[in-house]
Amino acid sequence: MTRSLLLIALLGLGACADPAEAPADDATEAGVAEPSDVAFGETVPDGAALSPDELIANPDAYAGKTVVVEGVAREVCQMAGCWLTFSNDAGQTVRVNVPRDETESYVFTFPKDVSGQTVRVAGTLEVETTSVEDQRHYAEDGGASEDEVAAITEPKQTLVLTALGAELAEAADRAPGTAPA
């Protein structure tokens, strides 16, 4: 009995000990940012970025092209963080989708609390017709009420930016993967 109590006590102390720190791995694949809370996916190129208003005003000029867009995230998927939207004052939107890999897993996801923050995204723009069913799905994932979902009754043209990489704006002055100061 005494041995059992001693063994339990020693196991308990071992469980509370600090784990050995794993060695840091500074290597990253070329062009891919290390996971962090400010950079996601591939590194977003430096330089000038388009605004969501510029994309909305002239989508045909950018369709099929890889662009860098910087704007305030309006809505974010509350289920998985797999999309966010930018919008203009008239309520027109650009949806930013996260692609899936060969295993159907998302390449990265956005933080679910990124609404209201400035996000810089590199991706390929497409103009799509979004079905009523898909619009309702996005509305539900965005946290819309049943009435808001039911009010969606027509397909609509949607600007979709398939993200290659993204970063929160405050990350623009830091190397990808570094923590905020």
Protein backbone atom coordinates (compact mmCIF):
# COMPACT_ATOMS: atom_id res chain seq x y z
CA MET A 1 0.00 0.00 0.00
CA THR A 2 2.82 2.42 0.87
CA ARG A 3 4.59 1.60 -2.40
CA SER A 4 1.38 2.30 -4.35
CA LEU A 5 0.94 5.69 -2.69
CA LEU A 6 4.60 6.56 -3.32
CA LEU A 7 4.30 5.54 -6.99
CA ILE A 8 1.14 7.62 -7.42
CA ALA A 9 2.84 10.64 -5.80
CA LEU A 10 5.90 10.32 -8.06
CA LEU A 11 3.73 9.98 -11.17
CA GLY A 12 1.77 13.06 -10.10
CA LEU A 13 4.96 15.09 -9.68
CA GLY A 14 6.22 13.91 -13.06
CA ALA A 15 3.00 15.07 -14.71
CA CYS A 16 3.46 18.57 -13.28
CA ALA A 17 7.07 18.92 -14.46
CA ASP A 18 7.83 21.25 -17.39
CA PRO A 19 8.03 19.34 -20.64
CA ALA A 20 11.32 19.41 -22.46
CA GLU A 21 11.31 22.13 -25.04
CA ALA A 22 11.38 20.94 -28.61
CA PRO A 23 14.14 22.41 -30.74
CA ALA A 24 12.99 25.32 -32.88
CA ASP A 25 12.78 24.64 -36.59
CA ASP A 26 13.55 27.84 -38.48
CA ALA A 27 13.19 26.22 -41.89
CA THR A 28 10.10 26.97 -43.93
CA GLU A 29 9.15 26.04 -47.44
CA ALA A 30 9.98 28.80 -49.88
CA GLY A 31 7.22 31.37 -49.94
CA VAL A 32 5.11 29.80 -47.17
CA ALA A 33 4.74 31.68 -43.92
CA GLU A 34 5.12 29.84 -40.65
CA PRO A 35 1.84 29.45 -38.76
CA SER A 36 1.10 32.44 -36.56
CA ASP A 37 -1.77 34.58 -35.48
CA VAL A 38 -0.99 37.27 -38.06
CA ALA A 39 0.08 35.50 -41.30
CA PHE A 40 -1.64 32.64 -43.09
CA GLY A 41 -0.69 30.56 -46.13
CA GLU A 42 1.82 31.90 -48.64
CA THR A 43 3.68 35.14 -48.03
CA VAL A 44 1.72 38.17 -49.25
CA PRO A 45 3.85 40.33 -51.57
CA ASP A 46 4.88 43.78 -50.35
CA GLY A 47 3.86 46.90 -52.21
CA ALA A 48 0.66 48.57 -53.25
CA ALA A 49 -2.62 46.75 -52.74
CA LEU A 50 -6.01 47.22 -54.34
CA SER A 51 -8.95 48.23 -52.18
CA PRO A 52 -12.17 46.20 -52.20
CA ASP A 53 -13.81 49.28 -53.82
CA GLU A 54 -11.40 49.02 -56.78
CA LEU A 55 -12.25 45.34 -57.30
CA ILE A 56 -15.98 45.98 -57.00
CA ALA A 57 -15.86 48.94 -59.40
CA ASN A 58 -14.00 47.07 -62.15
CA PRO A 59 -14.04 43.28 -61.60
CA ASP A 60 -13.46 42.41 -65.27
CA ALA A 61 -10.06 44.14 -65.18
CA TYR A 62 -8.89 41.78 -62.44
CA ALA A 63 -10.84 38.56 -63.14
CA GLY A 64 -8.54 35.56 -63.53
CA LYS A 65 -5.55 37.51 -62.21
CA THR A 66 -3.64 37.21 -58.97
CA VAL A 67 -4.04 40.42 -57.00
CA VAL A 68 -3.25 41.82 -53.56
CA VAL A 69 -6.23 43.38 -51.77
CA GLU A 70 -6.29 45.18 -48.45
CA GLY A 71 -9.49 46.00 -46.62
CA VAL A 72 -11.52 45.66 -43.46
CA ALA A 73 -12.95 42.18 -42.90
CA ARG A 74 -16.73 42.47 -42.50
CA GLU A 75 -17.94 38.91 -41.97
CA VAL A 76 -16.01 35.74 -41.19
CA CYS A 77 -17.19 32.15 -41.33
CA GLN A 78 -18.04 31.30 -37.74
CA MET A 79 -18.02 27.56 -38.44
CA ALA A 80 -14.46 27.07 -39.71
CA GLY A 81 -12.89 30.44 -40.57
CA CYS A 82 -12.81 29.30 -44.21
CA TRP A 83 -13.98 32.61 -45.71
CA LEU A 84 -14.30 36.29 -44.97
CA THR A 85 -15.83 39.24 -46.81
CA PHE A 86 -14.82 42.75 -47.70
CA SER A 87 -17.59 45.21 -48.64
CA ASN A 88 -18.12 48.77 -49.77
CA ASP A 89 -20.54 51.37 -48.40
CA ALA A 90 -23.26 50.20 -50.84
CA GLY A 91 -23.12 46.69 -49.36
CA GLN A 92 -21.46 45.05 -52.38
CA THR A 93 -19.04 42.34 -51.27
CA VAL A 94 -15.91 40.48 -52.21
CA ARG A 95 -15.80 37.01 -50.63
CA VAL A 96 -12.34 35.67 -49.80
CA ASN A 97 -12.33 31.86 -49.85
CA VAL A 98 -9.65 29.62 -48.39
CA PRO A 99 -8.78 26.79 -50.81
CA ARG A 100 -8.61 23.13 -49.86
CA ASP A 101 -5.66 20.82 -50.38
CA GLU A 102 -5.66 17.34 -51.94
CA THR A 103 -7.08 15.85 -48.71
CA GLU A 104 -9.96 18.37 -48.75
CA SER A 105 -8.56 20.14 -45.66
CA TYR A 106 -8.40 23.93 -45.67
CA VAL A 107 -4.92 25.21 -46.50
CA PHE A 108 -5.32 27.69 -43.61
CA THR A 109 -8.21 29.36 -41.82
CA PHE A 110 -8.91 32.89 -40.66
CA PRO A 111 -9.42 33.70 -37.00
CA LYS A 112 -13.15 33.85 -36.35
CA ASP A 113 -12.75 37.19 -34.54
CA VAL A 114 -11.04 39.04 -37.42
CA SER A 115 -14.16 41.09 -38.31
CA GLY A 116 -13.37 44.79 -38.16
CA GLN A 117 -9.64 44.26 -38.65
CA THR A 118 -7.65 45.20 -41.72
CA VAL A 119 -6.57 42.14 -43.69
CA ARG A 120 -4.17 41.98 -46.64
CA VAL A 121 -4.84 39.06 -49.02
CA ALA A 122 -3.10 37.72 -52.12
CA GLY A 123 -5.32 35.62 -54.33
CA THR A 124 -6.96 35.00 -57.68
CA LEU A 125 -10.19 36.85 -58.46
CA GLU A 126 -13.15 35.19 -60.20
CA VAL A 127 -16.66 36.47 -60.92
CA GLU A 128 -19.16 33.72 -60.09
CA THR A 129 -22.90 33.27 -59.95
CA THR A 130 -23.73 32.18 -56.42
CA SER A 131 -26.85 30.05 -56.06
CA VAL A 132 -29.56 30.75 -53.49
CA GLU A 133 -28.53 27.57 -51.66
CA ASP A 134 -24.87 28.64 -51.44
CA GLN A 135 -25.81 32.19 -50.39
CA ARG A 136 -27.97 30.78 -47.62
CA HIS A 137 -25.14 28.46 -46.53
CA TYR A 138 -22.73 31.42 -46.32
CA ALA A 139 -25.33 33.48 -44.45
CA GLU A 140 -25.84 30.69 -41.90
CA ASP A 141 -22.08 30.26 -41.46
CA GLY A 142 -21.81 34.01 -40.97
CA GLY A 143 -24.35 33.91 -38.15
CA ALA A 144 -27.37 35.38 -40.00
CA SER A 145 -30.82 35.02 -38.48
CA GLU A 146 -33.44 32.67 -39.93
CA ASP A 147 -35.29 35.68 -41.37
CA GLU A 148 -32.13 36.97 -43.08
CA VAL A 149 -31.46 33.53 -44.56
CA ALA A 150 -35.08 33.18 -45.75
CA ALA A 151 -34.88 36.59 -47.47
CA ILE A 152 -32.29 35.24 -49.92
CA THR A 153 -34.34 34.24 -52.96
CA GLU A 154 -32.27 35.07 -56.08
CA PRO A 155 -28.87 33.94 -57.40
CA LYS A 156 -26.36 36.77 -57.54
CA GLN A 157 -23.02 37.59 -59.10
CA THR A 158 -20.26 37.37 -56.55
CA LEU A 159 -16.64 38.45 -56.62
CA VAL A 160 -14.62 35.59 -55.15
CA LEU A 161 -10.97 35.94 -54.25
CA THR A 162 -9.38 32.53 -53.71
CA ALA A 163 -6.70 33.29 -51.15
CA LEU A 164 -3.12 32.13 -51.55
CA GLY A 165 -2.05 33.91 -48.39
CA ALA A 166 -3.19 36.58 -45.98
CA GLU A 167 -1.93 38.68 -43.13
CA LEU A 168 -3.43 41.02 -40.61
CA ALA A 169 -2.39 44.59 -41.48
CA GLU A 170 -0.32 45.07 -38.35
CA ALA A 171 1.79 42.16 -39.61
CA ALA A 172 2.78 44.02 -42.79
CA ASP A 173 5.85 45.57 -41.15
CA ARG A 174 7.08 42.29 -39.66
CA ALA A 175 8.50 39.14 -41.15
CA PRO A 176 5.87 36.39 -41.58
CA GLY A 177 5.52 34.21 -38.55
CA THR A 178 6.75 36.74 -36.01
CA ALA A 179 4.66 37.68 -33.03
CA PRO A 180 3.32 41.17 -32.46
CA ALA A 181 5.51 43.45 -30.33
